[in-house]
Amino acid sequence: MLTIDLSGKTALITGGSQGLGRCTATRLHAAGATVGVNYFPDSQGFNRVRADETVAALGERAFAVSGDVRDVADVARMCDEVIAHTGRLDIVVNNAAIIKDRTLKKMSDTEWQDVIDTNLTGVFHVCRAAAERMSDGGRIVNMASISGVVGFYGQVNYSAAKAGVIAITKVLSKELARRRITVNAVAPGVVLTEMGKTIPAEVQAEMLKDIPLGRFGEPEEISNVIVFLCSDLASYLTGQTLHANGGWIG
């Protein structure tokens, strides 16, 4: 029987306290990994509460770690904290992202920059810091999006960032190959997370017409792909973007 066993591995999931990040943390933990659940340190402490709830639900082999992916020094501190906690860093899932949709005509400079800073530059920061500290043979999984491939109306900032994530993935797969660190991306379609459920019903209806499977994805279905990429089963897969979208595009 084929199984995925990540026992003895340490994984860091950015934006791991909710939505797809939380589901991924849960799946990696179930596969045996020790999981660092990253959260953005908001002034109200709301994200810390969510991270603590996630860790409590997982139990042993899970811990919360704050970190702002936009901040170079904070990212380095976050990675060092993970290693101080477990002695190693084997897996990184770049999941942290925000969304600020608006048409080009109406989009402000701030709305553009905020999304680029978190969704693209943040991935660069984490990849660089993690690669310097990661064990040889490690795994980096970057969360892209169907939006970065087809480009959705009103998402010039988000689509540009996610397309950049795909490009980063291709480059780093070559640069880190000598250390047997694989770098892959997952590009989901619409997933029924808190963010996905905010899409207006009429827009959802139009989207469903383009999905051969006739439904949106569940967080667990995307997390399963991520866990596969983190495992030895994907040891010869690098520089790839897996399109988990129900056949929407291929």
C-alpha atoms as a PDB file:
ATOM      1  CA  MET A   1       0.000   0.000   0.000  1.00  0.00           C
ATOM      2  CA  LEU A   2       1.314   3.435  -0.957  1.00  0.00           C
ATOM      3  CA  THR A   3       1.213   5.941   1.878  1.00  0.00           C
ATOM      4  CA  ILE A   4       2.524   9.437   2.431  1.00  0.00           C
ATOM      5  CA  ASP A   5       4.654   9.579   5.546  1.00  0.00           C
ATOM      6  CA  LEU A   6       6.112  12.950   6.516  1.00  0.00           C
ATOM      7  CA  SER A   7       7.206  11.847   9.975  1.00  0.00           C
ATOM      8  CA  GLY A   8      10.293  13.703  11.136  1.00  0.00           C
ATOM      9  CA  LYS A   9       9.673  16.584   8.702  1.00  0.00           C
ATOM     10  CA  THR A  10       8.936  20.156   9.713  1.00  0.00           C
ATOM     11  CA  ALA A  11       6.567  22.229   7.577  1.00  0.00           C
ATOM     12  CA  LEU A  12       5.870  25.969   7.624  1.00  0.00           C
ATOM     13  CA  ILE A  13       2.570  27.152   6.147  1.00  0.00           C
ATOM     14  CA  THR A  14       2.221  30.899   5.671  1.00  0.00           C
ATOM     15  CA  GLY A  15      -1.290  32.142   6.256  1.00  0.00           C
ATOM     16  CA  GLY A  16      -1.925  28.826   7.935  1.00  0.00           C
ATOM     17  CA  SER A  17      -4.518  29.859  10.489  1.00  0.00           C
ATOM     18  CA  GLN A  18      -7.594  29.847   8.252  1.00  0.00           C
ATOM     19  CA  GLY A  19      -9.086  28.678   4.981  1.00  0.00           C
ATOM     20  CA  LEU A  20      -6.894  26.675   2.649  1.00  0.00           C
ATOM     21  CA  GLY A  21      -3.859  27.287   4.858  1.00  0.00           C
ATOM     22  CA  ARG A  22      -5.535  25.724   7.854  1.00  0.00           C
ATOM     23  CA  CYS A  23      -6.725  22.774   5.787  1.00  0.00           C
ATOM     24  CA  THR A  24      -3.193  22.269   4.449  1.00  0.00           C
ATOM     25  CA  ALA A  25      -1.731  22.415   7.940  1.00  0.00           C
ATOM     26  CA  THR A  26      -4.235  19.780   9.019  1.00  0.00           C
ATOM     27  CA  ARG A  27      -3.407  17.489   6.093  1.00  0.00           C
ATOM     28  CA  LEU A  28       0.370  17.797   6.524  1.00  0.00           C
ATOM     29  CA  HIS A  29      -0.005  17.132  10.238  1.00  0.00           C
ATOM     30  CA  ALA A  30      -2.114  14.045   9.519  1.00  0.00           C
ATOM     31  CA  ALA A  31       0.709  12.793   7.292  1.00  0.00           C
ATOM     32  CA  GLY A  32       3.080  12.994  10.263  1.00  0.00           C
ATOM     33  CA  ALA A  33       4.773  16.366   9.815  1.00  0.00           C
ATOM     34  CA  THR A  34       5.418  18.860  12.577  1.00  0.00           C
ATOM     35  CA  VAL A  35       3.605  21.993  11.466  1.00  0.00           C
ATOM     36  CA  GLY A  36       4.379  25.669  12.013  1.00  0.00           C
ATOM     37  CA  VAL A  37       1.164  27.635  11.528  1.00  0.00           C
ATOM     38  CA  ASN A  38       2.076  31.139  10.436  1.00  0.00           C
ATOM     39  CA  TYR A  39      -0.255  34.063  11.031  1.00  0.00           C
ATOM     40  CA  PHE A  40      -0.094  37.776  10.267  1.00  0.00           C
ATOM     41  CA  PRO A  41       0.278  39.737  13.535  1.00  0.00           C
ATOM     42  CA  ASP A  42      -2.706  42.081  13.249  1.00  0.00           C
ATOM     43  CA  SER A  43      -3.166  44.781  15.882  1.00  0.00           C
ATOM     44  CA  GLN A  44      -6.419  43.259  17.182  1.00  0.00           C
ATOM     45  CA  GLY A  45      -4.852  39.846  17.746  1.00  0.00           C
ATOM     46  CA  PHE A  46      -7.624  38.164  15.759  1.00  0.00           C
ATOM     47  CA  ASN A  47      -5.219  36.153  13.601  1.00  0.00           C
ATOM     48  CA  ARG A  48      -3.311  34.915  16.649  1.00  0.00           C
ATOM     49  CA  VAL A  49      -6.555  33.591  18.106  1.00  0.00           C
ATOM     50  CA  ARG A  50      -7.271  31.701  14.900  1.00  0.00           C
ATOM     51  CA  ALA A  51      -3.742  30.314  14.789  1.00  0.00           C
ATOM     52  CA  ASP A  52      -3.988  29.160  18.394  1.00  0.00           C
ATOM     53  CA  GLU A  53      -7.324  27.492  17.621  1.00  0.00           C
ATOM     54  CA  THR A  54      -5.742  25.685  14.679  1.00  0.00           C
ATOM     55  CA  VAL A  55      -2.812  24.513  16.769  1.00  0.00           C
ATOM     56  CA  ALA A  56      -5.106  23.376  19.573  1.00  0.00           C
ATOM     57  CA  ALA A  57      -7.169  21.364  17.112  1.00  0.00           C
ATOM     58  CA  LEU A  58      -4.046  19.667  15.758  1.00  0.00           C
ATOM     59  CA  GLY A  59      -2.495  18.951  19.150  1.00  0.00           C
ATOM     60  CA  GLU A  60       1.079  17.746  19.401  1.00  0.00           C
ATOM     61  CA  ARG A  61       3.536  18.547  16.610  1.00  0.00           C
ATOM     62  CA  ALA A  62       1.915  21.912  15.883  1.00  0.00           C
ATOM     63  CA  PHE A  63       2.815  25.437  16.916  1.00  0.00           C
ATOM     64  CA  ALA A  64       1.907  29.003  15.947  1.00  0.00           C
ATOM     65  CA  VAL A  65       4.479  31.413  14.566  1.00  0.00           C
ATOM     66  CA  SER A  66       3.832  35.052  13.697  1.00  0.00           C
ATOM     67  CA  GLY A  67       5.339  36.687  10.652  1.00  0.00           C
ATOM     68  CA  ASP A  68       4.620  39.391   8.087  1.00  0.00           C
ATOM     69  CA  VAL A  69       5.723  38.047   4.702  1.00  0.00           C
ATOM     70  CA  ARG A  70       6.149  41.614   3.432  1.00  0.00           C
ATOM     71  CA  ASP A  71       8.917  42.265   5.951  1.00  0.00           C
ATOM     72  CA  VAL A  72      12.352  40.793   5.164  1.00  0.00           C
ATOM     73  CA  ALA A  73      13.594  40.819   8.748  1.00  0.00           C
ATOM     74  CA  ASP A  74      10.370  39.364  10.098  1.00  0.00           C
ATOM     75  CA  VAL A  75      10.460  36.529   7.568  1.00  0.00           C
ATOM     76  CA  ALA A  76      14.023  35.656   8.583  1.00  0.00           C
ATOM     77  CA  ARG A  77      12.998  35.709  12.245  1.00  0.00           C
ATOM     78  CA  MET A  78       9.994  33.511  11.494  1.00  0.00           C
ATOM     79  CA  CYS A  79      12.106  30.861   9.736  1.00  0.00           C
ATOM     80  CA  ASP A  80      14.681  30.943  12.523  1.00  0.00           C
ATOM     81  CA  GLU A  81      11.904  30.494  15.084  1.00  0.00           C
ATOM     82  CA  VAL A  82      10.641  27.400  13.271  1.00  0.00           C
ATOM     83  CA  ILE A  83      14.133  25.900  13.275  1.00  0.00           C
ATOM     84  CA  ALA A  84      14.640  26.808  16.922  1.00  0.00           C
ATOM     85  CA  HIS A  85      11.421  24.967  17.717  1.00  0.00           C
ATOM     86  CA  THR A  86      12.145  21.754  15.813  1.00  0.00           C
ATOM     87  CA  GLY A  87      15.774  21.858  14.691  1.00  0.00           C
ATOM     88  CA  ARG A  88      14.962  21.786  10.986  1.00  0.00           C
ATOM     89  CA  LEU A  89      12.886  23.127   8.096  1.00  0.00           C
ATOM     90  CA  ASP A  90      11.903  20.690   5.345  1.00  0.00           C
ATOM     91  CA  ILE A  91       8.693  21.989   3.781  1.00  0.00           C
ATOM     92  CA  VAL A  92       7.396  25.471   3.033  1.00  0.00           C
ATOM     93  CA  VAL A  93       3.940  26.218   1.656  1.00  0.00           C
ATOM     94  CA  ASN A  94       3.576  29.820   0.509  1.00  0.00           C
ATOM     95  CA  ASN A  95      -0.134  30.293   1.065  1.00  0.00           C
ATOM     96  CA  ALA A  96      -0.443  33.820   2.535  1.00  0.00           C
ATOM     97  CA  ALA A  97      -2.404  36.081   0.201  1.00  0.00           C
ATOM     98  CA  ILE A  98      -4.878  38.933   0.134  1.00  0.00           C
ATOM     99  CA  ILE A  99      -7.403  40.102  -2.432  1.00  0.00           C
ATOM    100  CA  LYS A 100      -8.408  43.665  -3.339  1.00  0.00           C
ATOM    101  CA  ASP A 101     -10.384  43.452  -6.567  1.00  0.00           C
ATOM    102  CA  ARG A 102     -11.127  46.503  -8.669  1.00  0.00           C
ATOM    103  CA  THR A 103     -11.025  47.385 -12.346  1.00  0.00           C
ATOM    104  CA  LEU A 104      -7.906  49.050 -13.723  1.00  0.00           C
ATOM    105  CA  LYS A 105      -9.676  52.385 -13.998  1.00  0.00           C
ATOM    106  CA  LYS A 106     -10.730  52.381 -10.358  1.00  0.00           C
ATOM    107  CA  MET A 107      -7.765  50.589  -8.746  1.00  0.00           C
ATOM    108  CA  SER A 108      -5.653  52.765  -6.485  1.00  0.00           C
ATOM    109  CA  ASP A 109      -1.874  52.606  -6.243  1.00  0.00           C
ATOM    110  CA  THR A 110      -2.285  51.310  -2.702  1.00  0.00           C
ATOM    111  CA  GLU A 111      -4.606  48.479  -3.779  1.00  0.00           C
ATOM    112  CA  TRP A 112      -2.117  47.449  -6.450  1.00  0.00           C
ATOM    113  CA  GLN A 113       0.899  47.598  -4.161  1.00  0.00           C
ATOM    114  CA  ASP A 114      -0.726  45.877  -1.181  1.00  0.00           C
ATOM    115  CA  VAL A 115      -1.564  42.796  -3.229  1.00  0.00           C
ATOM    116  CA  ILE A 116       1.818  42.690  -4.984  1.00  0.00           C
ATOM    117  CA  ASP A 117       3.658  43.111  -1.674  1.00  0.00           C
ATOM    118  CA  THR A 118       1.868  40.196  -0.007  1.00  0.00           C
ATOM    119  CA  ASN A 119       1.083  37.812  -2.852  1.00  0.00           C
ATOM    120  CA  LEU A 120       4.290  38.143  -4.886  1.00  0.00           C
ATOM    121  CA  THR A 121       7.049  39.870  -2.940  1.00  0.00           C
ATOM    122  CA  GLY A 122       6.044  37.913   0.160  1.00  0.00           C
ATOM    123  CA  VAL A 123       6.599  34.643  -1.721  1.00  0.00           C
ATOM    124  CA  PHE A 124      10.028  35.875  -2.792  1.00  0.00           C
ATOM    125  CA  HIS A 125      10.942  36.798   0.779  1.00  0.00           C
ATOM    126  CA  VAL A 126       9.872  33.439   2.193  1.00  0.00           C
ATOM    127  CA  CYS A 127      11.482  31.397  -0.583  1.00  0.00           C
ATOM    128  CA  ARG A 128      14.793  33.197  -0.145  1.00  0.00           C
ATOM    129  CA  ALA A 129      14.865  32.901   3.631  1.00  0.00           C
ATOM    130  CA  ALA A 130      13.673  29.292   3.604  1.00  0.00           C
ATOM    131  CA  ALA A 131      16.118  28.180   0.900  1.00  0.00           C
ATOM    132  CA  GLU A 132      19.035  29.479   2.990  1.00  0.00           C
ATOM    133  CA  ARG A 133      17.890  27.418   5.970  1.00  0.00           C
ATOM    134  CA  MET A 134      16.139  24.425   4.445  1.00  0.00           C
ATOM    135  CA  SER A 135      17.456  20.880   4.568  1.00  0.00           C
ATOM    136  CA  ASP A 136      18.678  19.424   1.274  1.00  0.00           C
ATOM    137  CA  GLY A 137      15.877  17.482  -0.365  1.00  0.00           C
ATOM    138  CA  GLY A 138      13.278  19.940   0.911  1.00  0.00           C
ATOM    139  CA  ARG A 139      10.001  20.971  -0.670  1.00  0.00           C
ATOM    140  CA  ILE A 140       8.637  24.402  -1.548  1.00  0.00           C
ATOM    141  CA  VAL A 141       5.043  24.679  -2.729  1.00  0.00           C
ATOM    142  CA  ASN A 142       3.815  28.070  -3.916  1.00  0.00           C
ATOM    143  CA  MET A 143       0.114  28.826  -4.152  1.00  0.00           C
ATOM    144  CA  ALA A 144      -0.685  30.290  -7.551  1.00  0.00           C
ATOM    145  CA  SER A 145      -4.185  30.590  -8.996  1.00  0.00           C
ATOM    146  CA  ILE A 146      -6.201  30.075 -12.157  1.00  0.00           C
ATOM    147  CA  SER A 147      -6.402  33.874 -12.104  1.00  0.00           C
ATOM    148  CA  GLY A 148      -2.679  34.022 -12.836  1.00  0.00           C
ATOM    149  CA  VAL A 149      -3.198  31.950 -15.982  1.00  0.00           C
ATOM    150  CA  VAL A 150      -6.425  33.239 -17.541  1.00  0.00           C
ATOM    151  CA  GLY A 151      -6.704  36.668 -15.877  1.00  0.00           C
ATOM    152  CA  PHE A 152     -10.061  37.482 -14.313  1.00  0.00           C
ATOM    153  CA  TYR A 153     -11.890  40.756 -14.796  1.00  0.00           C
ATOM    154  CA  GLY A 154     -11.126  43.207 -11.979  1.00  0.00           C
ATOM    155  CA  GLN A 155      -8.068  41.308 -10.771  1.00  0.00           C
ATOM    156  CA  VAL A 156      -5.148  43.002 -12.488  1.00  0.00           C
ATOM    157  CA  ASN A 157      -3.200  43.099  -9.202  1.00  0.00           C
ATOM    158  CA  TYR A 158      -4.068  39.560  -8.091  1.00  0.00           C
ATOM    159  CA  SER A 159      -3.588  38.019 -11.542  1.00  0.00           C
ATOM    160  CA  ALA A 160      -0.230  39.751 -11.996  1.00  0.00           C
ATOM    161  CA  ALA A 161       0.966  38.544  -8.603  1.00  0.00           C
ATOM    162  CA  LYS A 162      -0.108  34.948  -9.171  1.00  0.00           C
ATOM    163  CA  ALA A 163       1.433  34.878 -12.655  1.00  0.00           C
ATOM    164  CA  GLY A 164       4.624  36.078 -11.004  1.00  0.00           C
ATOM    165  CA  VAL A 165       4.411  33.236  -8.491  1.00  0.00           C
ATOM    166  CA  ILE A 166       4.367  30.751 -11.370  1.00  0.00           C
ATOM    167  CA  ALA A 167       7.464  32.404 -12.828  1.00  0.00           C
ATOM    168  CA  ILE A 168       9.267  32.382  -9.467  1.00  0.00           C
ATOM    169  CA  THR A 169       8.485  28.682  -9.179  1.00  0.00           C
ATOM    170  CA  LYS A 170      10.064  27.903 -12.552  1.00  0.00           C
ATOM    171  CA  VAL A 171      13.237  29.848 -11.805  1.00  0.00           C
ATOM    172  CA  LEU A 172      13.783  28.527  -8.293  1.00  0.00           C
ATOM    173  CA  SER A 173      13.248  24.935  -9.419  1.00  0.00           C
ATOM    174  CA  LYS A 174      16.399  25.359 -11.503  1.00  0.00           C
ATOM    175  CA  GLU A 175      18.400  27.287  -8.913  1.00  0.00           C
ATOM    176  CA  LEU A 176      17.681  24.869  -6.058  1.00  0.00           C
ATOM    177  CA  ALA A 177      17.843  21.602  -7.994  1.00  0.00           C
ATOM    178  CA  ARG A 178      21.483  20.959  -7.064  1.00  0.00           C
ATOM    179  CA  ARG A 179      20.322  20.621  -3.453  1.00  0.00           C
ATOM    180  CA  ARG A 180      17.422  18.375  -4.441  1.00  0.00           C
ATOM    181  CA  ILE A 181      14.935  20.992  -3.252  1.00  0.00           C
ATOM    182  CA  THR A 182      11.853  20.795  -5.444  1.00  0.00           C
ATOM    183  CA  VAL A 183       9.784  23.893  -6.120  1.00  0.00           C
ATOM    184  CA  ASN A 184       6.281  23.530  -7.500  1.00  0.00           C
ATOM    185  CA  ALA A 185       3.083  25.543  -7.622  1.00  0.00           C
ATOM    186  CA  VAL A 186      -0.577  24.707  -7.265  1.00  0.00           C
ATOM    187  CA  ALA A 187      -3.068  26.832  -9.188  1.00  0.00           C
ATOM    188  CA  PRO A 188      -6.576  26.203  -7.850  1.00  0.00           C
ATOM    189  CA  GLY A 189      -9.748  27.324  -9.504  1.00  0.00           C
ATOM    190  CA  VAL A 190     -12.456  28.661  -7.228  1.00  0.00           C
ATOM    191  CA  VAL A 191     -12.285  26.913  -3.858  1.00  0.00           C
ATOM    192  CA  LEU A 192     -15.039  27.065  -1.270  1.00  0.00           C
ATOM    193  CA  THR A 193     -13.043  28.827   1.419  1.00  0.00           C
ATOM    194  CA  GLU A 194     -14.159  32.000   3.180  1.00  0.00           C
ATOM    195  CA  MET A 195     -12.743  33.984   0.246  1.00  0.00           C
ATOM    196  CA  GLY A 196     -14.375  31.815  -2.416  1.00  0.00           C
ATOM    197  CA  LYS A 197     -17.769  32.044  -0.787  1.00  0.00           C
ATOM    198  CA  THR A 198     -17.757  35.843  -1.134  1.00  0.00           C
ATOM    199  CA  ILE A 199     -18.134  35.599  -4.927  1.00  0.00           C
ATOM    200  CA  PRO A 200     -21.633  36.800  -5.893  1.00  0.00           C
ATOM    201  CA  ALA A 201     -24.080  34.015  -6.753  1.00  0.00           C
ATOM    202  CA  GLU A 202     -24.609  35.237 -10.311  1.00  0.00           C
ATOM    203  CA  VAL A 203     -20.848  35.242 -10.945  1.00  0.00           C
ATOM    204  CA  GLN A 204     -20.551  31.740  -9.486  1.00  0.00           C
ATOM    205  CA  ALA A 205     -23.268  30.533 -11.848  1.00  0.00           C
ATOM    206  CA  GLU A 206     -21.371  31.815 -14.878  1.00  0.00           C
ATOM    207  CA  MET A 207     -18.101  30.289 -13.669  1.00  0.00           C
ATOM    208  CA  LEU A 208     -19.688  26.876 -13.178  1.00  0.00           C
ATOM    209  CA  LYS A 209     -20.587  26.770 -16.868  1.00  0.00           C
ATOM    210  CA  ASP A 210     -16.861  26.573 -17.690  1.00  0.00           C
ATOM    211  CA  ILE A 211     -16.001  23.782 -15.230  1.00  0.00           C
ATOM    212  CA  PRO A 212     -16.394  20.277 -16.711  1.00  0.00           C
ATOM    213  CA  LEU A 213     -16.839  18.701 -13.276  1.00  0.00           C
ATOM    214  CA  GLY A 214     -19.671  21.140 -12.645  1.00  0.00           C
ATOM    215  CA  ARG A 215     -18.649  22.274  -9.176  1.00  0.00           C
ATOM    216  CA  PHE A 216     -16.104  24.314  -7.257  1.00  0.00           C
ATOM    217  CA  GLY A 217     -13.261  22.726  -5.331  1.00  0.00           C
ATOM    218  CA  GLU A 218     -13.220  21.852  -1.672  1.00  0.00           C
ATOM    219  CA  PRO A 219     -10.214  22.950   0.424  1.00  0.00           C
ATOM    220  CA  GLU A 220      -9.331  19.324   1.185  1.00  0.00           C
ATOM    221  CA  GLU A 221      -9.017  18.550  -2.520  1.00  0.00           C
ATOM    222  CA  ILE A 222      -6.423  21.279  -3.006  1.00  0.00           C
ATOM    223  CA  SER A 223      -4.601  20.378   0.200  1.00  0.00           C
ATOM    224  CA  ASN A 224      -4.281  16.797  -0.986  1.00  0.00           C
ATOM    225  CA  VAL A 225      -2.367  18.018  -4.043  1.00  0.00           C
ATOM    226  CA  ILE A 226      -0.088  20.082  -1.815  1.00  0.00           C
ATOM    227  CA  VAL A 227       0.637  17.117   0.452  1.00  0.00           C
ATOM    228  CA  PHE A 228       1.493  15.007  -2.605  1.00  0.00           C
ATOM    229  CA  LEU A 229       4.013  17.623  -3.762  1.00  0.00           C
ATOM    230  CA  CYS A 230       5.571  17.622  -0.293  1.00  0.00           C
ATOM    231  CA  SER A 231       6.043  13.861  -0.337  1.00  0.00           C
ATOM    232  CA  ASP A 232       8.600  11.457  -1.766  1.00  0.00           C
ATOM    233  CA  LEU A 233       6.006  10.460  -4.359  1.00  0.00           C
ATOM    234  CA  ALA A 234       6.736  13.788  -6.095  1.00  0.00           C
ATOM    235  CA  SER A 235      10.539  13.532  -5.897  1.00  0.00           C
ATOM    236  CA  TYR A 236      10.955  13.895  -9.688  1.00  0.00           C
ATOM    237  CA  LEU A 237       8.461  16.733 -10.061  1.00  0.00           C
ATOM    238  CA  THR A 238       9.810  20.286  -9.969  1.00  0.00           C
ATOM    239  CA  GLY A 239       9.177  23.583 -11.714  1.00  0.00           C
ATOM    240  CA  GLN A 240       5.593  22.547 -12.402  1.00  0.00           C
ATOM    241  CA  THR A 241       2.242  24.228 -11.848  1.00  0.00           C
ATOM    242  CA  LEU A 242      -0.541  21.753 -11.092  1.00  0.00           C
ATOM    243  CA  HIS A 243      -3.915  23.090 -12.187  1.00  0.00           C
ATOM    244  CA  ALA A 244      -6.455  21.854  -9.637  1.00  0.00           C
ATOM    245  CA  ASN A 245      -9.582  23.352 -11.123  1.00  0.00           C
ATOM    246  CA  GLY A 246     -12.050  20.634 -12.089  1.00  0.00           C
ATOM    247  CA  GLY A 247     -11.027  20.801 -15.745  1.00  0.00           C
ATOM    248  CA  TRP A 248     -11.669  24.547 -16.063  1.00  0.00           C
ATOM    249  CA  ILE A 249      -8.337  24.860 -17.857  1.00  0.00           C
ATOM    250  CA  GLY A 250      -5.654  22.258 -18.466  1.00  0.00           C
END
